[in-house]
Amino acid sequence: MCLSIPSKVVAIDEDNVATVETLGVSRRVSLDLIAEPVAVGEYVLIHVGYAMEKIDTKFALESIEIYRQIAKDMQNGRIGADEGDAGLDKLYQNNKE
Protein backbone atom coordinates (compact mmCIF):
# COMPACT_ATOMS: atom_id res chain seq x y z
CA MET A 1 0.00 0.00 0.00
CA CYS A 2 1.19 3.50 -0.80
CA LEU A 3 0.43 6.37 1.54
CA SER A 4 0.75 9.84 0.05
CA ILE A 5 0.72 12.84 2.36
CA PRO A 6 -0.44 16.10 0.76
CA SER A 7 2.49 18.27 -0.25
CA LYS A 8 2.34 22.04 -0.72
CA VAL A 9 3.92 23.46 -3.86
CA VAL A 10 6.34 26.21 -2.79
CA ALA A 11 8.11 26.83 -6.13
CA ILE A 12 7.98 25.73 -9.76
CA ASP A 13 10.96 26.00 -12.11
CA GLU A 14 11.12 26.34 -15.89
CA ASP A 15 11.50 22.56 -16.33
CA ASN A 16 8.06 21.92 -14.75
CA VAL A 17 9.70 20.67 -11.57
CA ALA A 18 8.18 21.79 -8.29
CA THR A 19 9.70 22.16 -4.88
CA VAL A 20 7.13 20.81 -2.43
CA GLU A 21 6.96 20.79 1.36
CA THR A 22 5.64 17.72 3.16
CA LEU A 23 5.36 18.01 6.95
CA GLY A 24 8.46 20.20 7.09
CA VAL A 25 10.51 18.25 4.52
CA SER A 26 11.27 19.82 1.13
CA ARG A 27 11.85 17.83 -2.04
CA ARG A 28 11.70 18.32 -5.79
CA VAL A 29 9.09 16.52 -7.89
CA SER A 30 8.11 16.49 -11.53
CA LEU A 31 4.72 17.95 -12.49
CA ASP A 32 4.79 16.25 -15.92
CA LEU A 33 2.11 13.65 -15.08
CA ILE A 34 -0.55 16.18 -14.06
CA ALA A 35 -2.74 17.33 -16.96
CA GLU A 36 -4.05 20.49 -15.29
CA PRO A 37 -1.95 23.51 -14.33
CA VAL A 38 -0.48 23.57 -10.83
CA ALA A 39 0.33 26.83 -9.04
CA VAL A 40 2.49 27.75 -6.07
CA GLY A 41 0.42 27.34 -2.90
CA GLU A 42 -1.63 24.40 -4.18
CA TYR A 43 -1.38 20.85 -2.85
CA VAL A 44 -0.43 17.68 -4.71
CA LEU A 45 -0.05 13.99 -3.93
CA ILE A 46 3.32 12.57 -4.92
CA HIS A 47 4.72 9.13 -5.66
CA VAL A 48 8.38 8.31 -6.38
CA GLY A 49 9.31 11.80 -7.49
CA TYR A 50 6.20 12.63 -9.51
CA ALA A 51 3.17 14.67 -8.56
CA MET A 52 0.25 12.38 -9.41
CA GLU A 53 -2.78 14.50 -8.54
CA LYS A 54 -3.67 18.02 -7.47
CA ILE A 55 -6.00 18.08 -4.45
CA ASP A 56 -8.30 20.56 -2.77
CA THR A 57 -6.59 22.76 -0.16
CA LYS A 58 -9.26 22.15 2.50
CA PHE A 59 -8.98 18.37 2.07
CA ALA A 60 -5.17 18.59 2.11
CA LEU A 61 -5.11 20.55 5.37
CA GLU A 62 -7.60 18.17 7.02
CA SER A 63 -5.49 15.18 5.92
CA ILE A 64 -2.29 16.74 7.22
CA GLU A 65 -3.91 17.33 10.60
CA ILE A 66 -4.98 13.66 10.77
CA TYR A 67 -1.40 12.53 9.96
CA ARG A 68 -0.05 14.82 12.69
CA GLN A 69 -2.54 13.41 15.20
CA ILE A 70 -1.60 9.84 14.29
CA ALA A 71 2.11 10.64 14.74
CA LYS A 72 1.40 12.30 18.10
CA ASP A 73 -0.69 9.33 19.25
CA MET A 74 2.08 6.91 18.21
CA GLN A 75 4.68 8.95 20.12
CA ASN A 76 2.43 8.99 23.20
CA GLY A 77 1.80 5.24 23.00
CA ARG A 78 -1.93 5.59 22.25
CA ILE A 79 -1.37 3.80 18.92
CA GLY A 80 1.06 0.91 18.60
CA ALA A 81 3.44 0.93 15.64
CA ASP A 82 2.33 -2.63 14.87
CA GLU A 83 -1.37 -1.79 14.48
CA GLY A 84 -2.40 -2.68 10.93
CA ASP A 85 -4.71 0.31 10.53
CA ALA A 86 -2.25 2.71 12.22
CA GLY A 87 -4.90 3.19 14.86
CA LEU A 88 -7.25 5.00 12.50
CA ASP A 89 -10.26 3.14 13.87
CA LYS A 90 -9.44 4.29 17.42
CA LEU A 91 -8.77 7.83 16.20
CA TYR A 92 -12.10 7.87 14.35
CA GLN A 93 -13.96 6.62 17.42
CA ASN A 94 -12.24 9.18 19.70
CA ASN A 95 -13.12 12.03 17.34
CA LYS A 96 -16.79 10.97 17.29
CA GLU A 97 -17.05 11.22 21.08
PDB file of N, CA and C in Angstrom:
ATOM      1  N   MET A   1       0.840  -1.172   0.000  1.00  0.00           N
ATOM      2  CA  MET A   1       0.000   0.000   0.000  1.00  0.00           C
ATOM      3  C   MET A   1       0.885   1.234   0.000  1.00  0.00           C
ATOM      4  N   CYS A   2       0.463   2.242  -0.743  1.00  0.00           N
ATOM      5  CA  CYS A   2       1.194   3.502  -0.798  1.00  0.00           C
ATOM      6  C   CYS A   2       0.389   4.557  -0.047  1.00  0.00           C
ATOM      7  N   LEU A   3       1.067   5.303   0.781  1.00  0.00           N
ATOM      8  CA  LEU A   3       0.429   6.366   1.540  1.00  0.00           C
ATOM      9  C   LEU A   3       1.047   7.682   1.097  1.00  0.00           C
ATOM     10  N   SER A   4       0.246   8.558   0.528  1.00  0.00           N
ATOM     11  CA  SER A   4       0.751   9.839   0.051  1.00  0.00           C
ATOM     12  C   SER A   4       0.203  10.953   0.930  1.00  0.00           C
ATOM     13  N   ILE A   5       1.098  11.710   1.523  1.00  0.00           N
ATOM     14  CA  ILE A   5       0.724  12.836   2.362  1.00  0.00           C
ATOM     15  C   ILE A   5       0.667  14.076   1.474  1.00  0.00           C
ATOM     16  N   PRO A   6      -0.368  14.885   1.582  1.00  0.00           N
ATOM     17  CA  PRO A   6      -0.444  16.098   0.756  1.00  0.00           C
ATOM     18  C   PRO A   6       0.805  16.957   0.904  1.00  0.00           C
ATOM     19  N   SER A   7       1.287  17.447  -0.226  1.00  0.00           N
ATOM     20  CA  SER A   7       2.493  18.272  -0.254  1.00  0.00           C
ATOM     21  C   SER A   7       2.161  19.620  -0.876  1.00  0.00           C
ATOM     22  N   LYS A   8       2.614  20.686  -0.230  1.00  0.00           N
ATOM     23  CA  LYS A   8       2.340  22.039  -0.719  1.00  0.00           C
ATOM     24  C   LYS A   8       3.419  22.467  -1.709  1.00  0.00           C
ATOM     25  N   VAL A   9       2.996  22.971  -2.853  1.00  0.00           N
ATOM     26  CA  VAL A   9       3.925  23.464  -3.863  1.00  0.00           C
ATOM     27  C   VAL A   9       4.435  24.833  -3.405  1.00  0.00           C
ATOM     28  N   VAL A  10       5.761  24.947  -3.249  1.00  0.00           N
ATOM     29  CA  VAL A  10       6.338  26.211  -2.794  1.00  0.00           C
ATOM     30  C   VAL A  10       7.104  26.928  -3.908  1.00  0.00           C
ATOM     31  N   ALA A  11       7.439  26.223  -4.984  1.00  0.00           N
ATOM     32  CA  ALA A  11       8.114  26.832  -6.128  1.00  0.00           C
ATOM     33  C   ALA A  11       7.978  25.912  -7.328  1.00  0.00           C
ATOM     34  N   ILE A  12       8.003  26.508  -8.519  1.00  0.00           N
ATOM     35  CA  ILE A  12       7.981  25.734  -9.765  1.00  0.00           C
ATOM     36  C   ILE A  12       9.038  26.332 -10.679  1.00  0.00           C
ATOM     37  N   ASP A  13       9.915  25.480 -11.225  1.00  0.00           N
ATOM     38  CA  ASP A  13      10.957  26.002 -12.107  1.00  0.00           C
ATOM     39  C   ASP A  13      10.559  25.857 -13.571  1.00  0.00           C
ATOM     40  N   GLU A  14      11.428  26.329 -14.455  1.00  0.00           N
ATOM     41  CA  GLU A  14      11.123  26.341 -15.889  1.00  0.00           C
ATOM     42  C   GLU A  14      11.060  24.954 -16.511  1.00  0.00           C
ATOM     43  N   ASP A  15      11.540  23.943 -15.820  1.00  0.00           N
ATOM     44  CA  ASP A  15      11.500  22.563 -16.325  1.00  0.00           C
ATOM     45  C   ASP A  15      10.275  21.802 -15.840  1.00  0.00           C
ATOM     46  N   ASN A  16       9.284  22.521 -15.276  1.00  0.00           N
ATOM     47  CA  ASN A  16       8.059  21.918 -14.755  1.00  0.00           C
ATOM     48  C   ASN A  16       8.345  20.996 -13.561  1.00  0.00           C
ATOM     49  N   VAL A  17       9.344  21.381 -12.788  1.00  0.00           N
ATOM     50  CA  VAL A  17       9.705  20.667 -11.569  1.00  0.00           C
ATOM     51  C   VAL A  17       9.347  21.571 -10.391  1.00  0.00           C
ATOM     52  N   ALA A  18       8.630  21.013  -9.450  1.00  0.00           N
ATOM     53  CA  ALA A  18       8.182  21.785  -8.292  1.00  0.00           C
ATOM     54  C   ALA A  18       9.002  21.429  -7.063  1.00  0.00           C
ATOM     55  N   THR A  19       9.199  22.408  -6.225  1.00  0.00           N
ATOM     56  CA  THR A  19       9.696  22.161  -4.876  1.00  0.00           C
ATOM     57  C   THR A  19       8.459  22.105  -4.009  1.00  0.00           C
ATOM     58  N   VAL A  20       8.297  21.000  -3.283  1.00  0.00           N
ATOM     59  CA  VAL A  20       7.131  20.815  -2.425  1.00  0.00           C
ATOM     60  C   VAL A  20       7.589  20.632  -0.991  1.00  0.00           C
ATOM     61  N   GLU A  21       6.691  20.948  -0.061  1.00  0.00           N
ATOM     62  CA  GLU A  21       6.956  20.793   1.362  1.00  0.00           C
ATOM     63  C   GLU A  21       5.945  19.806   1.912  1.00  0.00           C
ATOM     64  N   THR A  22       6.465  18.767   2.570  1.00  0.00           N
ATOM     65  CA  THR A  22       5.637  17.718   3.156  1.00  0.00           C
ATOM     66  C   THR A  22       5.990  17.592   4.631  1.00  0.00           C
ATOM     67  N   LEU A  23       5.122  18.085   5.504  1.00  0.00           N
ATOM     68  CA  LEU A  23       5.357  18.012   6.947  1.00  0.00           C
ATOM     69  C   LEU A  23       6.751  18.489   7.325  1.00  0.00           C
ATOM     70  N   GLY A  24       7.183  19.607   6.751  1.00  0.00           N
ATOM     71  CA  GLY A  24       8.465  20.196   7.085  1.00  0.00           C
ATOM     72  C   GLY A  24       9.644  19.722   6.261  1.00  0.00           C
ATOM     73  N   VAL A  25       9.437  18.778   5.356  1.00  0.00           N
ATOM     74  CA  VAL A  25      10.509  18.252   4.517  1.00  0.00           C
ATOM     75  C   VAL A  25      10.295  18.748   3.085  1.00  0.00           C
ATOM     76  N   SER A  26      11.342  19.350   2.506  1.00  0.00           N
ATOM     77  CA  SER A  26      11.269  19.825   1.125  1.00  0.00           C
ATOM     78  C   SER A  26      11.879  18.800   0.183  1.00  0.00           C
ATOM     79  N   ARG A  27      11.311  18.713  -1.002  1.00  0.00           N
ATOM     80  CA  ARG A  27      11.846  17.829  -2.037  1.00  0.00           C
ATOM     81  C   ARG A  27      11.422  18.379  -3.392  1.00  0.00           C
ATOM     82  N   ARG A  28      12.053  17.905  -4.431  1.00  0.00           N
ATOM     83  CA  ARG A  28      11.702  18.322  -5.794  1.00  0.00           C
ATOM     84  C   ARG A  28      10.968  17.175  -6.474  1.00  0.00           C
ATOM     85  N   VAL A  29       9.881  17.525  -7.180  1.00  0.00           N
ATOM     86  CA  VAL A  29       9.091  16.518  -7.889  1.00  0.00           C
ATOM     87  C   VAL A  29       8.691  17.047  -9.258  1.00  0.00           C
ATOM     88  N   SER A  30       8.545  16.133 -10.181  1.00  0.00           N
ATOM     89  CA  SER A  30       8.108  16.489 -11.526  1.00  0.00           C
ATOM     90  C   SER A  30       6.594  16.702 -11.549  1.00  0.00           C
ATOM     91  N   LEU A  31       6.157  17.699 -12.301  1.00  0.00           N
ATOM     92  CA  LEU A  31       4.723  17.948 -12.491  1.00  0.00           C
ATOM     93  C   LEU A  31       4.241  17.400 -13.835  1.00  0.00           C
ATOM     94  N   ASP A  32       5.098  16.691 -14.555  1.00  0.00           N
ATOM     95  CA  ASP A  32       4.791  16.248 -15.918  1.00  0.00           C
ATOM     96  C   ASP A  32       3.600  15.305 -16.037  1.00  0.00           C
ATOM     97  N   LEU A  33       3.221  14.614 -14.978  1.00  0.00           N
ATOM     98  CA  LEU A  33       2.114  13.652 -15.075  1.00  0.00           C
ATOM     99  C   LEU A  33       0.751  14.257 -14.733  1.00  0.00           C
ATOM    100  N   ILE A  34       0.724  15.535 -14.385  1.00  0.00           N
ATOM    101  CA  ILE A  34      -0.546  16.183 -14.056  1.00  0.00           C
ATOM    102  C   ILE A  34      -1.006  16.973 -15.279  1.00  0.00           C
ATOM    103  N   ALA A  35      -2.220  16.692 -15.748  1.00  0.00           N
ATOM    104  CA  ALA A  35      -2.739  17.325 -16.961  1.00  0.00           C
ATOM    105  C   ALA A  35      -3.120  18.791 -16.744  1.00  0.00           C
ATOM    106  N   GLU A  36      -3.596  19.119 -15.552  1.00  0.00           N
ATOM    107  CA  GLU A  36      -4.053  20.490 -15.293  1.00  0.00           C
ATOM    108  C   GLU A  36      -2.914  21.328 -14.720  1.00  0.00           C
ATOM    109  N   PRO A  37      -3.004  22.638 -14.880  1.00  0.00           N
ATOM    110  CA  PRO A  37      -1.951  23.506 -14.333  1.00  0.00           C
ATOM    111  C   PRO A  37      -1.899  23.431 -12.804  1.00  0.00           C
ATOM    112  N   VAL A  38      -0.696  23.552 -12.275  1.00  0.00           N
ATOM    113  CA  VAL A  38      -0.479  23.572 -10.825  1.00  0.00           C
ATOM    114  C   VAL A  38       0.219  24.884 -10.499  1.00  0.00           C
ATOM    115  N   ALA A  39      -0.241  25.549  -9.441  1.00  0.00           N
ATOM    116  CA  ALA A  39       0.328  26.827  -9.043  1.00  0.00           C
ATOM    117  C   ALA A  39       0.970  26.734  -7.669  1.00  0.00           C
ATOM    118  N   VAL A  40       1.887  27.645  -7.402  1.00  0.00           N
ATOM    119  CA  VAL A  40       2.489  27.749  -6.073  1.00  0.00           C
ATOM    120  C   VAL A  40       1.364  27.973  -5.062  1.00  0.00           C
ATOM    121  N   GLY A  41       1.432  27.252  -3.948  1.00  0.00           N
ATOM    122  CA  GLY A  41       0.417  27.344  -2.904  1.00  0.00           C
ATOM    123  C   GLY A  41      -0.616  26.237  -2.960  1.00  0.00           C
ATOM    124  N   GLU A  42      -0.683  25.518  -4.081  1.00  0.00           N
ATOM    125  CA  GLU A  42      -1.629  24.403  -4.184  1.00  0.00           C
ATOM    126  C   GLU A  42      -0.997  23.134  -3.623  1.00  0.00           C
ATOM    127  N   TYR A  43      -1.825  22.113  -3.432  1.00  0.00           N
ATOM    128  CA  TYR A  43      -1.375  20.846  -2.850  1.00  0.00           C
ATOM    129  C   TYR A  43      -1.455  19.730  -3.879  1.00  0.00           C
ATOM    130  N   VAL A  44      -0.476  18.831  -3.825  1.00  0.00           N
ATOM    131  CA  VAL A  44      -0.428  17.677  -4.714  1.00  0.00           C
ATOM    132  C   VAL A  44      -0.131  16.432  -3.894  1.00  0.00           C
ATOM    133  N   LEU A  45      -0.460  15.288  -4.481  1.00  0.00           N
ATOM    134  CA  LEU A  45      -0.048  13.991  -3.932  1.00  0.00           C
ATOM    135  C   LEU A  45       1.097  13.504  -4.801  1.00  0.00           C
ATOM    136  N   ILE A  46       2.153  12.990  -4.164  1.00  0.00           N
ATOM    137  CA  ILE A  46       3.324  12.567  -4.923  1.00  0.00           C
ATOM    138  C   ILE A  46       3.612  11.083  -4.715  1.00  0.00           C
ATOM    139  N   HIS A  47       4.288  10.528  -5.720  1.00  0.00           N
ATOM    140  CA  HIS A  47       4.724   9.128  -5.656  1.00  0.00           C
ATOM    141  C   HIS A  47       6.026   9.020  -6.439  1.00  0.00           C
ATOM    142  N   VAL A  48       7.040   8.516  -5.820  1.00  0.00           N
ATOM    143  CA  VAL A  48       8.382   8.307  -6.380  1.00  0.00           C
ATOM    144  C   VAL A  48       8.852   9.452  -7.285  1.00  0.00           C
ATOM    145  N   GLY A  49       8.761  10.659  -6.782  1.00  0.00           N
ATOM    146  CA  GLY A  49       9.312  11.802  -7.493  1.00  0.00           C
ATOM    147  C   GLY A  49       8.404  12.488  -8.486  1.00  0.00           C
ATOM    148  N   TYR A  50       7.163  12.026  -8.581  1.00  0.00           N
ATOM    149  CA  TYR A  50       6.198  12.633  -9.506  1.00  0.00           C
ATOM    150  C   TYR A  50       4.947  13.056  -8.751  1.00  0.00           C
ATOM    151  N   ALA A  51       4.478  14.257  -9.055  1.00  0.00           N
ATOM    152  CA  ALA A  51       3.169  14.667  -8.558  1.00  0.00           C
ATOM    153  C   ALA A  51       2.143  13.899  -9.390  1.00  0.00           C
ATOM    154  N   MET A  52       1.221  13.233  -8.717  1.00  0.00           N
ATOM    155  CA  MET A  52       0.252  12.381  -9.410  1.00  0.00           C
ATOM    156  C   MET A  52      -1.124  13.041  -9.535  1.00  0.00           C
ATOM    157  N   GLU A  53      -1.436  13.924  -8.578  1.00  0.00           N
ATOM    158  CA  GLU A  53      -2.777  14.500  -8.543  1.00  0.00           C
ATOM    159  C   GLU A  53      -2.745  15.800  -7.751  1.00  0.00           C
ATOM    160  N   LYS A  54      -3.485  16.789  -8.229  1.00  0.00           N
ATOM    161  CA  LYS A  54      -3.675  18.024  -7.472  1.00  0.00           C
ATOM    162  C   LYS A  54      -4.910  17.816  -6.608  1.00  0.00           C
ATOM    163  N   ILE A  55      -4.853  18.286  -5.347  1.00  0.00           N
ATOM    164  CA  ILE A  55      -5.996  18.077  -4.454  1.00  0.00           C
ATOM    165  C   ILE A  55      -6.446  19.400  -3.836  1.00  0.00           C
ATOM    166  N   ASP A  56      -7.668  19.404  -3.392  1.00  0.00           N
ATOM    167  CA  ASP A  56      -8.296  20.558  -2.772  1.00  0.00           C
ATOM    168  C   ASP A  56      -7.547  20.960  -1.498  1.00  0.00           C
ATOM    169  N   THR A  57      -7.338  22.251  -1.313  1.00  0.00           N
ATOM    170  CA  THR A  57      -6.592  22.756  -0.156  1.00  0.00           C
ATOM    171  C   THR A  57      -7.254  22.360   1.161  1.00  0.00           C
ATOM    172  N   LYS A  58      -8.560  22.495   1.254  1.00  0.00           N
ATOM    173  CA  LYS A  58      -9.257  22.145   2.502  1.00  0.00           C
ATOM    174  C   LYS A  58      -9.045  20.671   2.839  1.00  0.00           C
ATOM    175  N   PHE A  59      -9.197  19.798   1.861  1.00  0.00           N
ATOM    176  CA  PHE A  59      -8.983  18.371   2.072  1.00  0.00           C
ATOM    177  C   PHE A  59      -7.528  18.100   2.461  1.00  0.00           C
ATOM    178  N   ALA A  60      -6.593  18.781   1.802  1.00  0.00           N
ATOM    179  CA  ALA A  60      -5.168  18.591   2.110  1.00  0.00           C
ATOM    180  C   ALA A  60      -4.871  18.959   3.556  1.00  0.00           C
ATOM    181  N   LEU A  61      -5.376  20.104   3.999  1.00  0.00           N
ATOM    182  CA  LEU A  61      -5.111  20.551   5.371  1.00  0.00           C
ATOM    183  C   LEU A  61      -5.750  19.625   6.405  1.00  0.00           C
ATOM    184  N   GLU A  62      -6.951  19.132   6.108  1.00  0.00           N
ATOM    185  CA  GLU A  62      -7.603  18.172   7.015  1.00  0.00           C
ATOM    186  C   GLU A  62      -6.787  16.884   7.091  1.00  0.00           C
ATOM    187  N   SER A  63      -6.301  16.413   5.958  1.00  0.00           N
ATOM    188  CA  SER A  63      -5.495  15.184   5.922  1.00  0.00           C
ATOM    189  C   SER A  63      -4.202  15.349   6.698  1.00  0.00           C
ATOM    190  N   ILE A  64      -3.536  16.480   6.513  1.00  0.00           N
ATOM    191  CA  ILE A  64      -2.286  16.740   7.224  1.00  0.00           C
ATOM    192  C   ILE A  64      -2.517  16.737   8.729  1.00  0.00           C
ATOM    193  N   GLU A  65      -3.609  17.314   9.166  1.00  0.00           N
ATOM    194  CA  GLU A  65      -3.910  17.334  10.604  1.00  0.00           C
ATOM    195  C   GLU A  65      -4.127  15.913  11.133  1.00  0.00           C
ATOM    196  N   ILE A  66      -4.784  15.067  10.364  1.00  0.00           N
ATOM    197  CA  ILE A  66      -4.979  13.664  10.775  1.00  0.00           C
ATOM    198  C   ILE A  66      -3.630  12.953  10.881  1.00  0.00           C
ATOM    199  N   TYR A  67      -2.735  13.148   9.902  1.00  0.00           N
ATOM    200  CA  TYR A  67      -1.405  12.528   9.965  1.00  0.00           C
ATOM    201  C   TYR A  67      -0.644  13.003  11.197  1.00  0.00           C
ATOM    202  N   ARG A  68      -0.730  14.299  11.507  1.00  0.00           N
ATOM    203  CA  ARG A  68      -0.048  14.821  12.688  1.00  0.00           C
ATOM    204  C   ARG A  68      -0.605  14.197  13.968  1.00  0.00           C
ATOM    205  N   GLN A  69      -1.926  14.019  14.022  1.00  0.00           N
ATOM    206  CA  GLN A  69      -2.543  13.413  15.197  1.00  0.00           C
ATOM    207  C   GLN A  69      -2.116  11.953  15.344  1.00  0.00           C
ATOM    208  N   ILE A  70      -2.049  11.235  14.242  1.00  0.00           N
ATOM    209  CA  ILE A  70      -1.603   9.841  14.286  1.00  0.00           C
ATOM    210  C   ILE A  70      -0.166   9.778  14.805  1.00  0.00           C
ATOM    211  N   ALA A  71       0.708  10.637  14.284  1.00  0.00           N
ATOM    212  CA  ALA A  71       2.106  10.645  14.737  1.00  0.00           C
ATOM    213  C   ALA A  71       2.189  10.965  16.227  1.00  0.00           C
ATOM    214  N   LYS A  72       1.408  11.937  16.674  1.00  0.00           N
ATOM    215  CA  LYS A  72       1.395  12.303  18.096  1.00  0.00           C
ATOM    216  C   LYS A  72       0.908  11.128  18.947  1.00  0.00           C
ATOM    217  N   ASP A  73      -0.156  10.469  18.501  1.00  0.00           N
ATOM    218  CA  ASP A  73      -0.686   9.328  19.250  1.00  0.00           C
ATOM    219  C   ASP A  73       0.299   8.164  19.283  1.00  0.00           C
ATOM    220  N   MET A  74       1.067   7.973  18.208  1.00  0.00           N
ATOM    221  CA  MET A  74       2.080   6.915  18.208  1.00  0.00           C
ATOM    222  C   MET A  74       3.201   7.264  19.183  1.00  0.00           C
ATOM    223  N   GLN A  75       3.620   8.528  19.202  1.00  0.00           N
ATOM    224  CA  GLN A  75       4.678   8.945  20.121  1.00  0.00           C
ATOM    225  C   GLN A  75       4.242   8.813  21.574  1.00  0.00           C
ATOM    226  N   ASN A  76       2.961   9.062  21.835  1.00  0.00           N
ATOM    227  CA  ASN A  76       2.431   8.991  23.199  1.00  0.00           C
ATOM    228  C   ASN A  76       1.985   7.589  23.592  1.00  0.00           C
ATOM    229  N   GLY A  77       2.150   6.616  22.699  1.00  0.00           N
ATOM    230  CA  GLY A  77       1.796   5.237  22.999  1.00  0.00           C
ATOM    231  C   GLY A  77       0.314   4.916  22.888  1.00  0.00           C
ATOM    232  N   ARG A  78      -0.492   5.855  22.419  1.00  0.00           N
ATOM    233  CA  ARG A  78      -1.929   5.590  22.250  1.00  0.00           C
ATOM    234  C   ARG A  78      -2.189   4.670  21.062  1.00  0.00           C
ATOM    235  N   ILE A  79      -1.276   4.674  20.096  1.00  0.00           N
ATOM    236  CA  ILE A  79      -1.367   3.798  18.923  1.00  0.00           C
ATOM    237  C   ILE A  79      -0.055   3.043  18.847  1.00  0.00           C
ATOM    238  N   GLY A  80      -0.136   1.721  18.743  1.00  0.00           N
ATOM    239  CA  GLY A  80       1.063   0.913  18.603  1.00  0.00           C
ATOM    240  C   GLY A  80       1.549   0.906  17.169  1.00  0.00           C
ATOM    241  N   ALA A  81       2.858   0.925  16.974  1.00  0.00           N
ATOM    242  CA  ALA A  81       3.441   0.931  15.640  1.00  0.00           C
ATOM    243  C   ALA A  81       3.073  -0.319  14.848  1.00  0.00           C
ATOM    244  N   ASP A  82       2.663  -1.382  15.552  1.00  0.00           N
ATOM    245  CA  ASP A  82       2.331  -2.635  14.872  1.00  0.00           C
ATOM    246  C   ASP A  82       0.842  -2.756  14.540  1.00  0.00           C
ATOM    247  N   GLU A  83       0.061  -1.720  14.795  1.00  0.00           N
ATOM    248  CA  GLU A  83      -1.367  -1.786  14.482  1.00  0.00           C
ATOM    249  C   GLU A  83      -1.556  -1.653  12.977  1.00  0.00           C
ATOM    250  N   GLY A  84      -2.238  -2.621  12.378  1.00  0.00           N
ATOM    251  CA  GLY A  84      -2.399  -2.676  10.928  1.00  0.00           C
ATOM    252  C   GLY A  84      -3.084  -1.470  10.329  1.00  0.00           C
ATOM    253  N   ASP A  85      -3.995  -0.857  11.061  1.00  0.00           N
ATOM    254  CA  ASP A  85      -4.705   0.311  10.526  1.00  0.00           C
ATOM    255  C   ASP A  85      -4.130   1.614  11.064  1.00  0.00           C
ATOM    256  N   ALA A  86      -2.923   1.551  11.633  1.00  0.00           N
ATOM    257  CA  ALA A  86      -2.247   2.712  12.224  1.00  0.00           C
ATOM    258  C   ALA A  86      -3.117   3.387  13.269  1.00  0.00           C
ATOM    259  N   GLY A  87      -4.053   2.636  13.826  1.00  0.00           N
ATOM    260  CA  GLY A  87      -4.903   3.191  14.864  1.00  0.00           C
ATOM    261  C   GLY A  87      -6.000   4.101  14.360  1.00  0.00           C
ATOM    262  N   LEU A  88      -6.244   4.099  13.060  1.00  0.00           N
ATOM    263  CA  LEU A  88      -7.249   4.999  12.502  1.00  0.00           C
ATOM    264  C   LEU A  88      -8.633   4.724  13.067  1.00  0.00           C
ATOM    265  N   ASP A  89      -8.946   3.454  13.323  1.00  0.00           N
ATOM    266  CA  ASP A  89     -10.265   3.140  13.872  1.00  0.00           C
ATOM    267  C   ASP A  89     -10.427   3.769  15.256  1.00  0.00           C
ATOM    268  N   LYS A  90      -9.387   3.669  16.101  1.00  0.00           N
ATOM    269  CA  LYS A  90      -9.438   4.293  17.424  1.00  0.00           C
ATOM    270  C   LYS A  90      -9.546   5.816  17.302  1.00  0.00           C
ATOM    271  N   LEU A  91      -8.756   6.385  16.397  1.00  0.00           N
ATOM    272  CA  LEU A  91      -8.773   7.833  16.201  1.00  0.00           C
ATOM    273  C   LEU A  91     -10.169   8.287  15.759  1.00  0.00           C
ATOM    274  N   TYR A  92     -10.751   7.543  14.835  1.00  0.00           N
ATOM    275  CA  TYR A  92     -12.104   7.875  14.351  1.00  0.00           C
ATOM    276  C   TYR A  92     -13.100   7.808  15.502  1.00  0.00           C
ATOM    277  N   GLN A  93     -13.030   6.764  16.309  1.00  0.00           N
ATOM    278  CA  GLN A  93     -13.957   6.618  17.417  1.00  0.00           C
ATOM    279  C   GLN A  93     -13.786   7.741  18.445  1.00  0.00           C
ATOM    280  N   ASN A  94     -12.517   8.104  18.741  1.00  0.00           N
ATOM    281  CA  ASN A  94     -12.244   9.177  19.698  1.00  0.00           C
ATOM    282  C   ASN A  94     -12.760  10.513  19.193  1.00  0.00           C
ATOM    283  N   ASN A  95     -12.664  10.760  17.907  1.00  0.00           N
ATOM    284  CA  ASN A  95     -13.120  12.029  17.342  1.00  0.00           C
ATOM    285  C   ASN A  95     -14.638  12.121  17.291  1.00  0.00           C
ATOM    286  N   LYS A  96     -15.331  10.981  17.300  1.00  0.00           N
ATOM    287  CA  LYS A  96     -16.794  10.973  17.290  1.00  0.00           C
ATOM    288  C   LYS A  96     -17.352  11.318  18.659  1.00  0.00           C
ATOM    289  N   GLU A  97     -16.579  11.038  19.710  1.00  0.00           N
ATOM    290  CA  GLU A  97     -17.049  11.225  21.082  1.00  0.00           C
ATOM    291  C   GLU A  97     -16.998  12.668  21.516  1.00  0.00           C
TER     292      GLU A  97
END
